[in-house]
Amino acid sequence: MDPFYPYDRSYYPINYSYFPHYTPQTNYSLPYTAYRSFPLVDPKIFMASAKHMQALMLDASVILERMATNRKFSFDLMNAAQHSNKNKVQDLIRSTGIKSKPEVEYNPDGLRLLFLKDTTQANCCQLLLHLRWF
Protein backbone atom coordinates (compact mmCIF):
# COMPACT_ATOMS: atom_id res chain seq x y z
CA MET A 1 0.00 0.00 0.00
CA ASP A 2 1.26 3.48 -0.96
CA PRO A 3 1.58 5.85 2.05
CA PHE A 4 0.39 8.81 -0.08
CA TYR A 5 -2.58 6.96 -1.60
CA PRO A 6 -4.72 5.26 1.05
CA TYR A 7 -6.72 3.03 -1.33
CA ASP A 8 -5.79 -0.39 -2.60
CA ARG A 9 -4.10 -0.08 -6.05
CA SER A 10 -5.26 -3.47 -7.23
CA TYR A 11 -8.78 -2.10 -7.60
CA TYR A 12 -7.77 0.51 -10.23
CA PRO A 13 -6.35 -0.16 -13.71
CA ILE A 14 -2.62 0.34 -14.22
CA ASN A 15 -2.91 3.53 -16.33
CA TYR A 16 -5.33 5.21 -13.96
CA SER A 17 -4.58 8.90 -13.37
CA TYR A 18 -4.91 10.17 -9.83
CA PHE A 19 -5.55 13.67 -11.13
CA PRO A 20 -8.68 14.76 -13.01
CA HIS A 21 -8.17 15.47 -16.67
CA TYR A 22 -10.24 16.84 -19.49
CA THR A 23 -10.62 15.35 -22.93
CA PRO A 24 -11.61 18.12 -25.34
CA GLN A 25 -14.70 17.56 -27.42
CA THR A 26 -14.37 18.47 -31.07
CA ASN A 27 -17.16 19.63 -33.32
CA TYR A 28 -16.63 18.41 -36.85
CA SER A 29 -19.98 19.65 -38.09
CA LEU A 30 -18.70 23.16 -38.91
CA PRO A 31 -17.96 23.75 -42.59
CA TYR A 32 -14.30 23.98 -43.51
CA THR A 33 -13.16 26.91 -45.62
CA ALA A 34 -9.72 26.68 -47.12
CA TYR A 35 -9.30 30.44 -47.61
CA ARG A 36 -10.48 33.76 -46.26
CA SER A 37 -11.69 36.49 -48.54
CA PHE A 38 -10.13 39.91 -48.02
CA PRO A 39 -11.25 43.20 -49.54
CA LEU A 40 -9.30 44.56 -52.46
CA VAL A 41 -6.25 46.56 -51.45
CA ASP A 42 -6.36 50.33 -52.01
CA PRO A 43 -3.19 52.04 -50.75
CA LYS A 44 -4.52 55.58 -51.23
CA ILE A 45 -5.41 56.17 -47.55
CA PHE A 46 -2.29 54.37 -46.36
CA MET A 47 -0.06 56.52 -48.57
CA ALA A 48 -1.81 59.71 -47.41
CA SER A 49 -1.23 58.69 -43.78
CA ALA A 50 2.45 58.10 -44.50
CA LYS A 51 2.69 61.54 -46.12
CA HIS A 52 1.10 63.23 -43.09
CA MET A 53 3.34 61.25 -40.76
CA GLN A 54 6.44 62.56 -42.56
CA ALA A 55 5.44 66.11 -41.61
CA LEU A 56 4.86 65.11 -37.99
CA MET A 57 8.22 63.35 -37.83
CA LEU A 58 9.96 66.38 -39.29
CA ASP A 59 8.48 68.58 -36.56
CA ALA A 60 9.40 66.03 -33.90
CA SER A 61 12.97 65.84 -35.17
CA VAL A 62 13.27 69.66 -35.02
CA ILE A 63 12.18 69.66 -31.36
CA LEU A 64 14.43 66.73 -30.50
CA GLU A 65 17.40 68.38 -32.18
CA ARG A 66 16.84 71.55 -30.16
CA MET A 67 16.51 69.58 -26.92
CA ALA A 68 19.62 67.53 -27.61
CA THR A 69 21.90 70.39 -28.62
CA ASN A 70 20.70 73.51 -26.79
CA ARG A 71 21.33 73.30 -23.05
CA LYS A 72 19.57 76.59 -22.25
CA PHE A 73 16.44 75.52 -24.14
CA SER A 74 16.36 72.17 -22.30
CA PHE A 75 16.91 73.87 -18.94
CA ASP A 76 14.16 76.43 -19.56
CA LEU A 77 11.74 73.71 -20.74
CA MET A 78 12.37 71.51 -17.72
CA ASN A 79 12.21 74.43 -15.32
CA ALA A 80 8.90 75.68 -16.73
CA ALA A 81 7.43 72.17 -16.61
CA GLN A 82 8.53 71.61 -13.03
CA HIS A 83 6.91 74.90 -12.05
CA SER A 84 3.69 73.84 -13.90
CA ASN A 85 3.94 76.81 -16.25
CA LYS A 86 2.13 75.24 -19.22
CA ASN A 87 2.01 78.48 -21.26
CA LYS A 88 5.79 78.87 -21.01
CA VAL A 89 6.30 75.22 -22.04
CA GLN A 90 4.04 75.66 -25.07
CA ASP A 91 5.76 78.94 -26.01
CA LEU A 92 9.17 77.26 -25.85
CA ILE A 93 7.99 74.41 -28.07
CA ARG A 94 6.42 76.84 -30.57
CA SER A 95 9.66 78.87 -30.61
CA THR A 96 11.37 75.97 -32.38
CA GLY A 97 9.50 76.90 -35.57
CA ILE A 98 7.44 73.73 -35.95
CA LYS A 99 4.18 73.81 -37.93
CA SER A 100 2.10 71.44 -35.81
CA LYS A 101 1.00 72.09 -32.25
CA PRO A 102 1.61 69.02 -30.08
CA GLU A 103 -0.43 68.27 -26.99
CA VAL A 104 1.92 68.75 -24.05
CA GLU A 105 1.78 66.83 -20.79
CA TYR A 106 4.45 66.59 -18.14
CA ASN A 107 4.98 65.07 -14.75
CA PRO A 108 7.95 64.80 -12.38
CA ASP A 109 9.43 61.99 -14.52
CA GLY A 110 9.38 63.60 -17.93
CA LEU A 111 7.67 65.22 -20.87
CA ARG A 112 5.05 63.77 -23.23
CA LEU A 113 4.36 65.33 -26.64
CA LEU A 114 1.51 64.02 -28.78
CA PHE A 115 1.56 65.16 -32.40
CA LEU A 116 -1.77 64.84 -34.21
CA LYS A 117 -2.51 65.57 -37.83
CA ASP A 118 -5.75 67.45 -38.41
CA THR A 119 -7.38 65.77 -41.37
CA THR A 120 -10.87 64.77 -42.39
CA GLN A 121 -10.11 61.16 -41.48
CA ALA A 122 -10.51 60.22 -37.84
CA ASN A 123 -7.26 59.15 -36.17
CA CYS A 124 -5.21 59.45 -39.34
CA CYS A 125 -1.84 59.92 -37.77
CA GLN A 126 -0.41 60.20 -34.29
CA LEU A 127 3.15 60.49 -33.10
CA LEU A 128 3.92 60.23 -29.40
CA LEU A 129 7.22 61.35 -27.89
CA HIS A 130 7.84 60.48 -24.28
CA LEU A 131 11.07 61.91 -22.89
CA ARG A 132 12.35 61.20 -19.40
CA TRP A 133 14.37 63.65 -17.38
CA PHE A 134 14.46 61.88 -14.06
C-alpha atoms as a PDB file:
ATOM      1  CA  MET A   1       0.000   0.000   0.000  1.00  0.00           C
ATOM      2  CA  ASP A   2       1.256   3.477  -0.964  1.00  0.00           C
ATOM      3  CA  PRO A   3       1.579   5.846   2.049  1.00  0.00           C
ATOM      4  CA  PHE A   4       0.387   8.811  -0.080  1.00  0.00           C
ATOM      5  CA  TYR A   5      -2.577   6.962  -1.603  1.00  0.00           C
ATOM      6  CA  PRO A   6      -4.725   5.261   1.046  1.00  0.00           C
ATOM      7  CA  TYR A   7      -6.723   3.027  -1.330  1.00  0.00           C
ATOM      8  CA  ASP A   8      -5.786  -0.390  -2.604  1.00  0.00           C
ATOM      9  CA  ARG A   9      -4.100  -0.083  -6.045  1.00  0.00           C
ATOM     10  CA  SER A  10      -5.261  -3.469  -7.230  1.00  0.00           C
ATOM     11  CA  TYR A  11      -8.782  -2.103  -7.596  1.00  0.00           C
ATOM     12  CA  TYR A  12      -7.774   0.514 -10.230  1.00  0.00           C
ATOM     13  CA  PRO A  13      -6.346  -0.158 -13.715  1.00  0.00           C
ATOM     14  CA  ILE A  14      -2.618   0.339 -14.224  1.00  0.00           C
ATOM     15  CA  ASN A  15      -2.914   3.526 -16.332  1.00  0.00           C
ATOM     16  CA  TYR A  16      -5.329   5.213 -13.956  1.00  0.00           C
ATOM     17  CA  SER A  17      -4.576   8.897 -13.371  1.00  0.00           C
ATOM     18  CA  TYR A  18      -4.909  10.171  -9.826  1.00  0.00           C
ATOM     19  CA  PHE A  19      -5.551  13.673 -11.130  1.00  0.00           C
ATOM     20  CA  PRO A  20      -8.680  14.760 -13.007  1.00  0.00           C
ATOM     21  CA  HIS A  21      -8.169  15.473 -16.668  1.00  0.00           C
ATOM     22  CA  TYR A  22     -10.236  16.838 -19.493  1.00  0.00           C
ATOM     23  CA  THR A  23     -10.617  15.355 -22.929  1.00  0.00           C
ATOM     24  CA  PRO A  24     -11.606  18.123 -25.342  1.00  0.00           C
ATOM     25  CA  GLN A  25     -14.705  17.557 -27.420  1.00  0.00           C
ATOM     26  CA  THR A  26     -14.367  18.469 -31.074  1.00  0.00           C
ATOM     27  CA  ASN A  27     -17.158  19.630 -33.317  1.00  0.00           C
ATOM     28  CA  TYR A  28     -16.631  18.410 -36.852  1.00  0.00           C
ATOM     29  CA  SER A  29     -19.980  19.651 -38.089  1.00  0.00           C
ATOM     30  CA  LEU A  30     -18.700  23.160 -38.914  1.00  0.00           C
ATOM     31  CA  PRO A  31     -17.963  23.750 -42.595  1.00  0.00           C
ATOM     32  CA  TYR A  32     -14.297  23.983 -43.508  1.00  0.00           C
ATOM     33  CA  THR A  33     -13.159  26.914 -45.616  1.00  0.00           C
ATOM     34  CA  ALA A  34      -9.715  26.684 -47.122  1.00  0.00           C
ATOM     35  CA  TYR A  35      -9.303  30.440 -47.613  1.00  0.00           C
ATOM     36  CA  ARG A  36     -10.483  33.761 -46.261  1.00  0.00           C
ATOM     37  CA  SER A  37     -11.690  36.495 -48.538  1.00  0.00           C
ATOM     38  CA  PHE A  38     -10.132  39.908 -48.015  1.00  0.00           C
ATOM     39  CA  PRO A  39     -11.246  43.195 -49.540  1.00  0.00           C
ATOM     40  CA  LEU A  40      -9.302  44.565 -52.456  1.00  0.00           C
ATOM     41  CA  VAL A  41      -6.247  46.563 -51.448  1.00  0.00           C
ATOM     42  CA  ASP A  42      -6.359  50.326 -52.011  1.00  0.00           C
ATOM     43  CA  PRO A  43      -3.186  52.037 -50.747  1.00  0.00           C
ATOM     44  CA  LYS A  44      -4.522  55.577 -51.228  1.00  0.00           C
ATOM     45  CA  ILE A  45      -5.407  56.174 -47.549  1.00  0.00           C
ATOM     46  CA  PHE A  46      -2.286  54.365 -46.357  1.00  0.00           C
ATOM     47  CA  MET A  47      -0.063  56.519 -48.573  1.00  0.00           C
ATOM     48  CA  ALA A  48      -1.813  59.705 -47.407  1.00  0.00           C
ATOM     49  CA  SER A  49      -1.231  58.694 -43.775  1.00  0.00           C
ATOM     50  CA  ALA A  50       2.447  58.102 -44.499  1.00  0.00           C
ATOM     51  CA  LYS A  51       2.691  61.536 -46.123  1.00  0.00           C
ATOM     52  CA  HIS A  52       1.099  63.225 -43.091  1.00  0.00           C
ATOM     53  CA  MET A  53       3.342  61.249 -40.761  1.00  0.00           C
ATOM     54  CA  GLN A  54       6.438  62.564 -42.559  1.00  0.00           C
ATOM     55  CA  ALA A  55       5.440  66.110 -41.614  1.00  0.00           C
ATOM     56  CA  LEU A  56       4.860  65.106 -37.992  1.00  0.00           C
ATOM     57  CA  MET A  57       8.217  63.346 -37.826  1.00  0.00           C
ATOM     58  CA  LEU A  58       9.956  66.384 -39.292  1.00  0.00           C
ATOM     59  CA  ASP A  59       8.477  68.583 -36.558  1.00  0.00           C
ATOM     60  CA  ALA A  60       9.404  66.034 -33.901  1.00  0.00           C
ATOM     61  CA  SER A  61      12.970  65.844 -35.169  1.00  0.00           C
ATOM     62  CA  VAL A  62      13.268  69.660 -35.018  1.00  0.00           C
ATOM     63  CA  ILE A  63      12.180  69.660 -31.363  1.00  0.00           C
ATOM     64  CA  LEU A  64      14.434  66.731 -30.499  1.00  0.00           C
ATOM     65  CA  GLU A  65      17.400  68.380 -32.183  1.00  0.00           C
ATOM     66  CA  ARG A  66      16.839  71.552 -30.162  1.00  0.00           C
ATOM     67  CA  MET A  67      16.508  69.580 -26.916  1.00  0.00           C
ATOM     68  CA  ALA A  68      19.618  67.533 -27.614  1.00  0.00           C
ATOM     69  CA  THR A  69      21.899  70.391 -28.619  1.00  0.00           C
ATOM     70  CA  ASN A  70      20.700  73.513 -26.789  1.00  0.00           C
ATOM     71  CA  ARG A  71      21.329  73.301 -23.047  1.00  0.00           C
ATOM     72  CA  LYS A  72      19.568  76.592 -22.255  1.00  0.00           C
ATOM     73  CA  PHE A  73      16.437  75.517 -24.140  1.00  0.00           C
ATOM     74  CA  SER A  74      16.359  72.168 -22.298  1.00  0.00           C
ATOM     75  CA  PHE A  75      16.909  73.867 -18.940  1.00  0.00           C
ATOM     76  CA  ASP A  76      14.158  76.433 -19.562  1.00  0.00           C
ATOM     77  CA  LEU A  77      11.745  73.714 -20.745  1.00  0.00           C
ATOM     78  CA  MET A  78      12.373  71.505 -17.721  1.00  0.00           C
ATOM     79  CA  ASN A  79      12.206  74.431 -15.315  1.00  0.00           C
ATOM     80  CA  ALA A  80       8.897  75.681 -16.730  1.00  0.00           C
ATOM     81  CA  ALA A  81       7.427  72.169 -16.613  1.00  0.00           C
ATOM     82  CA  GLN A  82       8.532  71.615 -13.032  1.00  0.00           C
ATOM     83  CA  HIS A  83       6.907  74.901 -12.050  1.00  0.00           C
ATOM     84  CA  SER A  84       3.691  73.844 -13.897  1.00  0.00           C
ATOM     85  CA  ASN A  85       3.935  76.810 -16.253  1.00  0.00           C
ATOM     86  CA  LYS A  86       2.134  75.242 -19.223  1.00  0.00           C
ATOM     87  CA  ASN A  87       2.006  78.477 -21.255  1.00  0.00           C
ATOM     88  CA  LYS A  88       5.788  78.866 -21.014  1.00  0.00           C
ATOM     89  CA  VAL A  89       6.303  75.221 -22.042  1.00  0.00           C
ATOM     90  CA  GLN A  90       4.044  75.656 -25.074  1.00  0.00           C
ATOM     91  CA  ASP A  91       5.756  78.939 -26.012  1.00  0.00           C
ATOM     92  CA  LEU A  92       9.166  77.262 -25.850  1.00  0.00           C
ATOM     93  CA  ILE A  93       7.990  74.415 -28.071  1.00  0.00           C
ATOM     94  CA  ARG A  94       6.416  76.836 -30.565  1.00  0.00           C
ATOM     95  CA  SER A  95       9.657  78.872 -30.606  1.00  0.00           C
ATOM     96  CA  THR A  96      11.371  75.972 -32.378  1.00  0.00           C
ATOM     97  CA  GLY A  97       9.502  76.899 -35.569  1.00  0.00           C
ATOM     98  CA  ILE A  98       7.435  73.727 -35.948  1.00  0.00           C
ATOM     99  CA  LYS A  99       4.180  73.809 -37.927  1.00  0.00           C
ATOM    100  CA  SER A 100       2.100  71.436 -35.813  1.00  0.00           C
ATOM    101  CA  LYS A 101       1.003  72.086 -32.250  1.00  0.00           C
ATOM    102  CA  PRO A 102       1.612  69.022 -30.077  1.00  0.00           C
ATOM    103  CA  GLU A 103      -0.429  68.272 -26.989  1.00  0.00           C
ATOM    104  CA  VAL A 104       1.917  68.748 -24.045  1.00  0.00           C
ATOM    105  CA  GLU A 105       1.780  66.831 -20.791  1.00  0.00           C
ATOM    106  CA  TYR A 106       4.452  66.591 -18.138  1.00  0.00           C
ATOM    107  CA  ASN A 107       4.975  65.065 -14.748  1.00  0.00           C
ATOM    108  CA  PRO A 108       7.947  64.797 -12.377  1.00  0.00           C
ATOM    109  CA  ASP A 109       9.427  61.995 -14.518  1.00  0.00           C
ATOM    110  CA  GLY A 110       9.383  63.605 -17.935  1.00  0.00           C
ATOM    111  CA  LEU A 111       7.667  65.219 -20.867  1.00  0.00           C
ATOM    112  CA  ARG A 112       5.052  63.772 -23.231  1.00  0.00           C
ATOM    113  CA  LEU A 113       4.358  65.327 -26.638  1.00  0.00           C
ATOM    114  CA  LEU A 114       1.513  64.021 -28.784  1.00  0.00           C
ATOM    115  CA  PHE A 115       1.565  65.159 -32.401  1.00  0.00           C
ATOM    116  CA  LEU A 116      -1.771  64.843 -34.208  1.00  0.00           C
ATOM    117  CA  LYS A 117      -2.509  65.573 -37.833  1.00  0.00           C
ATOM    118  CA  ASP A 118      -5.751  67.450 -38.411  1.00  0.00           C
ATOM    119  CA  THR A 119      -7.383  65.767 -41.373  1.00  0.00           C
ATOM    120  CA  THR A 120     -10.873  64.774 -42.385  1.00  0.00           C
ATOM    121  CA  GLN A 121     -10.114  61.161 -41.484  1.00  0.00           C
ATOM    122  CA  ALA A 122     -10.511  60.223 -37.842  1.00  0.00           C
ATOM    123  CA  ASN A 123      -7.262  59.146 -36.172  1.00  0.00           C
ATOM    124  CA  CYS A 124      -5.211  59.450 -39.337  1.00  0.00           C
ATOM    125  CA  CYS A 125      -1.836  59.921 -37.771  1.00  0.00           C
ATOM    126  CA  GLN A 126      -0.406  60.203 -34.293  1.00  0.00           C
ATOM    127  CA  LEU A 127       3.152  60.491 -33.099  1.00  0.00           C
ATOM    128  CA  LEU A 128       3.924  60.228 -29.400  1.00  0.00           C
ATOM    129  CA  LEU A 129       7.221  61.346 -27.889  1.00  0.00           C
ATOM    130  CA  HIS A 130       7.842  60.477 -24.278  1.00  0.00           C
ATOM    131  CA  LEU A 131      11.068  61.906 -22.893  1.00  0.00           C
ATOM    132  CA  ARG A 132      12.350  61.204 -19.404  1.00  0.00           C
ATOM    133  CA  TRP A 133      14.367  63.646 -17.383  1.00  0.00           C
ATOM    134  CA  PHE A 134      14.455  61.875 -14.058  1.00  0.00           C
END
